[in-house]
């Protein structure tokens, strides 16, 4: 289990909302992933996991240091 500080701005906030994903859902999957990987398309860190509501998400993010995360995209798979 990991705990992070998440950076949200107008760009990533709008982008995940277009995919029907909330901040809380994306953050939960990053903190409690079923699997961690590297995004094939961007080379960024990524996580797969289920939200508390049961949605399975893919979340690609940048890890700026050991505790700061910028979510780039998140969508249901």
N, C-alpha and C. Protein backbone atom coordinates (compact mmCIF):
# COMPACT_ATOMS: atom_id res chain seq x y z
N UNK A 1 0.85 -1.17 0.00
CA UNK A 1 0.00 0.00 0.00
C UNK A 1 0.90 1.23 0.00
N UNK A 2 0.59 2.17 -0.88
CA UNK A 2 1.37 3.39 -0.99
C UNK A 2 0.47 4.60 -0.81
N UNK A 3 1.05 5.68 -0.34
CA UNK A 3 0.32 6.94 -0.19
C UNK A 3 1.06 8.01 -0.95
N UNK A 4 0.33 8.79 -1.72
CA UNK A 4 0.92 9.78 -2.60
C UNK A 4 0.21 11.12 -2.47
N UNK A 5 0.91 12.16 -2.88
CA UNK A 5 0.32 13.48 -3.09
C UNK A 5 0.01 13.56 -4.57
N UNK A 6 -1.24 13.84 -4.92
CA UNK A 6 -1.66 13.90 -6.31
C UNK A 6 -1.78 15.34 -6.77
N UNK A 7 -1.24 15.63 -7.95
CA UNK A 7 -1.35 16.94 -8.56
C UNK A 7 -2.49 16.89 -9.57
N UNK A 8 -3.47 17.77 -9.37
CA UNK A 8 -4.59 17.89 -10.30
C UNK A 8 -4.63 19.31 -10.84
N UNK A 9 -4.74 19.43 -12.14
CA UNK A 9 -4.88 20.74 -12.77
C UNK A 9 -6.01 20.65 -13.79
N UNK A 10 -6.29 21.71 -14.47
CA UNK A 10 -7.40 21.70 -15.42
C UNK A 10 -7.24 20.68 -16.52
N UNK A 11 -6.00 20.40 -16.92
CA UNK A 11 -5.76 19.49 -18.04
C UNK A 11 -6.05 18.04 -17.68
N UNK A 12 -5.39 17.52 -16.64
CA UNK A 12 -5.62 16.10 -16.32
C UNK A 12 -6.99 15.87 -15.72
N UNK A 13 -7.50 16.87 -15.01
CA UNK A 13 -8.84 16.78 -14.45
C UNK A 13 -9.89 16.61 -15.56
N UNK A 14 -9.81 17.45 -16.57
CA UNK A 14 -10.75 17.38 -17.69
C UNK A 14 -10.59 16.08 -18.47
N UNK A 15 -9.35 15.67 -18.67
CA UNK A 15 -9.08 14.48 -19.48
C UNK A 15 -9.70 13.23 -18.86
N UNK A 16 -9.48 13.00 -17.57
CA UNK A 16 -10.06 11.78 -16.99
C UNK A 16 -11.57 11.87 -16.88
N UNK A 17 -12.10 13.10 -16.68
CA UNK A 17 -13.55 13.26 -16.63
C UNK A 17 -14.19 12.88 -17.96
N UNK A 18 -13.49 13.15 -19.07
CA UNK A 18 -13.99 12.75 -20.39
C UNK A 18 -14.09 11.23 -20.51
N UNK A 19 -13.32 10.51 -19.71
CA UNK A 19 -13.35 9.05 -19.70
C UNK A 19 -14.26 8.50 -18.60
N UNK A 20 -14.95 9.39 -17.90
CA UNK A 20 -15.88 8.96 -16.85
C UNK A 20 -15.21 8.50 -15.58
N UNK A 21 -14.00 9.03 -15.32
CA UNK A 21 -13.23 8.63 -14.13
C UNK A 21 -13.09 9.84 -13.21
N UNK A 22 -13.28 9.61 -11.92
CA UNK A 22 -13.12 10.68 -10.93
C UNK A 22 -11.70 10.67 -10.36
N UNK A 23 -11.35 11.77 -9.69
CA UNK A 23 -10.05 11.84 -9.00
C UNK A 23 -9.92 10.67 -8.02
N UNK A 24 -10.96 10.47 -7.24
CA UNK A 24 -10.92 9.44 -6.20
C UNK A 24 -10.68 8.06 -6.79
N UNK A 25 -11.33 7.77 -7.91
CA UNK A 25 -11.15 6.47 -8.54
C UNK A 25 -9.72 6.28 -9.04
N UNK A 26 -9.19 7.28 -9.73
CA UNK A 26 -7.82 7.19 -10.25
C UNK A 26 -6.82 7.07 -9.10
N UNK A 27 -6.99 7.87 -8.07
CA UNK A 27 -6.08 7.83 -6.93
C UNK A 27 -6.12 6.47 -6.24
N UNK A 28 -7.30 5.90 -6.10
CA UNK A 28 -7.44 4.60 -5.44
C UNK A 28 -6.68 3.52 -6.20
N UNK A 29 -6.79 3.53 -7.52
CA UNK A 29 -6.11 2.51 -8.33
C UNK A 29 -4.59 2.68 -8.25
N UNK A 30 -4.11 3.91 -8.23
CA UNK A 30 -2.66 4.13 -8.10
C UNK A 30 -2.17 3.65 -6.72
N UNK A 31 -2.94 3.92 -5.69
CA UNK A 31 -2.54 3.53 -4.33
C UNK A 31 -2.72 2.04 -4.05
N UNK A 32 -3.70 1.42 -4.70
CA UNK A 32 -4.00 0.01 -4.44
C UNK A 32 -4.11 -0.76 -5.76
N UNK A 33 -3.04 -0.82 -6.53
CA UNK A 33 -3.13 -1.48 -7.85
C UNK A 33 -3.17 -3.00 -7.73
N UNK A 34 -3.85 -3.60 -8.71
CA UNK A 34 -3.77 -5.05 -8.85
C UNK A 34 -2.48 -5.41 -9.57
N UNK A 35 -2.04 -4.51 -10.45
CA UNK A 35 -0.83 -4.73 -11.24
C UNK A 35 -0.22 -3.38 -11.59
N UNK A 36 1.10 -3.29 -11.50
CA UNK A 36 1.82 -2.11 -11.95
C UNK A 36 2.56 -2.48 -13.23
N UNK A 37 2.66 -1.54 -14.14
CA UNK A 37 3.29 -1.80 -15.42
C UNK A 37 3.84 -0.49 -15.98
N UNK A 38 4.29 -0.54 -17.19
CA UNK A 38 4.71 0.64 -17.94
C UNK A 38 3.80 0.74 -19.16
N UNK A 39 3.29 1.93 -19.40
CA UNK A 39 2.42 2.14 -20.56
C UNK A 39 3.19 1.88 -21.84
N UNK A 40 2.64 1.05 -22.70
CA UNK A 40 3.30 0.75 -23.98
C UNK A 40 3.33 1.96 -24.89
N UNK A 41 2.32 2.82 -24.81
CA UNK A 41 2.25 3.96 -25.73
C UNK A 41 3.09 5.15 -25.28
N UNK A 42 3.22 5.36 -23.97
CA UNK A 42 3.93 6.56 -23.50
C UNK A 42 5.20 6.28 -22.72
N UNK A 43 5.37 5.05 -22.25
CA UNK A 43 6.53 4.71 -21.42
C UNK A 43 6.41 5.17 -19.98
N UNK A 44 5.24 5.66 -19.60
CA UNK A 44 5.02 6.14 -18.23
C UNK A 44 4.64 4.99 -17.31
N UNK A 45 4.77 5.24 -16.01
CA UNK A 45 4.27 4.30 -15.02
C UNK A 45 2.77 4.14 -15.22
N UNK A 46 2.26 2.96 -14.92
CA UNK A 46 0.84 2.71 -15.08
C UNK A 46 0.39 1.66 -14.06
N UNK A 47 -0.89 1.68 -13.79
CA UNK A 47 -1.48 0.73 -12.86
C UNK A 47 -2.84 0.26 -13.39
N UNK A 48 -3.12 -1.00 -13.12
CA UNK A 48 -4.45 -1.57 -13.36
C UNK A 48 -5.05 -1.87 -12.00
N UNK A 49 -6.34 -1.66 -11.88
CA UNK A 49 -6.98 -2.02 -10.63
C UNK A 49 -8.46 -1.72 -10.65
N UNK A 50 -9.11 -2.16 -9.58
CA UNK A 50 -10.55 -1.95 -9.43
C UNK A 50 -10.83 -0.82 -8.46
N UNK A 51 -11.82 -0.02 -8.79
CA UNK A 51 -12.29 1.01 -7.87
C UNK A 51 -13.16 0.36 -6.81
N UNK A 52 -13.52 1.12 -5.80
CA UNK A 52 -14.43 0.59 -4.77
C UNK A 52 -15.79 0.24 -5.35
N UNK A 53 -16.16 0.89 -6.46
CA UNK A 53 -17.45 0.61 -7.11
C UNK A 53 -17.35 -0.56 -8.09
N UNK A 54 -16.15 -1.12 -8.26
CA UNK A 54 -15.99 -2.29 -9.11
C UNK A 54 -15.58 -2.01 -10.54
N UNK A 55 -15.29 -0.75 -10.88
CA UNK A 55 -14.82 -0.44 -12.23
C UNK A 55 -13.34 -0.82 -12.33
N UNK A 56 -12.97 -1.50 -13.41
CA UNK A 56 -11.55 -1.83 -13.64
C UNK A 56 -10.95 -0.71 -14.47
N UNK A 57 -9.89 -0.07 -13.95
CA UNK A 57 -9.28 1.06 -14.61
C UNK A 57 -7.83 0.80 -14.99
N UNK A 58 -7.40 1.50 -16.03
CA UNK A 58 -6.00 1.66 -16.38
C UNK A 58 -5.67 3.11 -16.09
N UNK A 59 -4.61 3.35 -15.33
CA UNK A 59 -4.20 4.71 -14.97
C UNK A 59 -2.73 4.88 -15.33
N UNK A 60 -2.42 5.81 -16.22
CA UNK A 60 -1.04 6.15 -16.55
C UNK A 60 -0.69 7.43 -15.82
N UNK A 61 0.52 7.47 -15.24
CA UNK A 61 0.88 8.62 -14.42
C UNK A 61 2.38 8.86 -14.45
N UNK A 62 2.75 10.08 -14.06
CA UNK A 62 4.15 10.44 -13.88
C UNK A 62 4.42 10.48 -12.39
N UNK A 63 5.52 9.88 -11.99
CA UNK A 63 5.94 9.88 -10.59
C UNK A 63 7.11 10.85 -10.49
N UNK A 64 6.88 12.01 -9.85
CA UNK A 64 7.91 13.05 -9.80
C UNK A 64 8.96 12.77 -8.73
N UNK A 65 8.57 12.17 -7.66
CA UNK A 65 9.49 11.73 -6.62
C UNK A 65 8.83 10.54 -5.95
N UNK A 66 9.27 10.17 -4.79
CA UNK A 66 8.70 8.98 -4.15
C UNK A 66 7.25 9.13 -3.72
N UNK A 67 6.73 10.37 -3.73
CA UNK A 67 5.39 10.57 -3.19
C UNK A 67 4.49 11.50 -4.00
N UNK A 68 4.95 12.01 -5.14
CA UNK A 68 4.16 12.97 -5.90
C UNK A 68 3.78 12.40 -7.25
N UNK A 69 2.48 12.35 -7.51
CA UNK A 69 1.94 11.72 -8.73
C UNK A 69 1.13 12.72 -9.53
N UNK A 70 1.36 12.70 -10.85
CA UNK A 70 0.53 13.44 -11.79
C UNK A 70 -0.15 12.42 -12.69
N UNK A 71 -1.45 12.27 -12.57
CA UNK A 71 -2.20 11.34 -13.41
C UNK A 71 -2.31 11.93 -14.80
N UNK A 72 -1.86 11.17 -15.80
CA UNK A 72 -1.90 11.62 -17.20
C UNK A 72 -3.20 11.21 -17.84
N UNK A 73 -3.61 9.97 -17.62
CA UNK A 73 -4.88 9.48 -18.17
C UNK A 73 -5.38 8.34 -17.30
N UNK A 74 -6.68 8.12 -17.35
CA UNK A 74 -7.32 7.01 -16.66
C UNK A 74 -8.59 6.68 -17.41
N UNK A 75 -8.79 5.40 -17.62
CA UNK A 75 -10.00 4.98 -18.35
C UNK A 75 -10.35 3.55 -17.96
N UNK A 76 -11.62 3.22 -18.18
CA UNK A 76 -12.12 1.89 -17.84
C UNK A 76 -11.68 0.88 -18.90
N UNK A 77 -11.26 -0.28 -18.44
CA UNK A 77 -10.85 -1.37 -19.34
C UNK A 77 -11.71 -2.59 -19.12
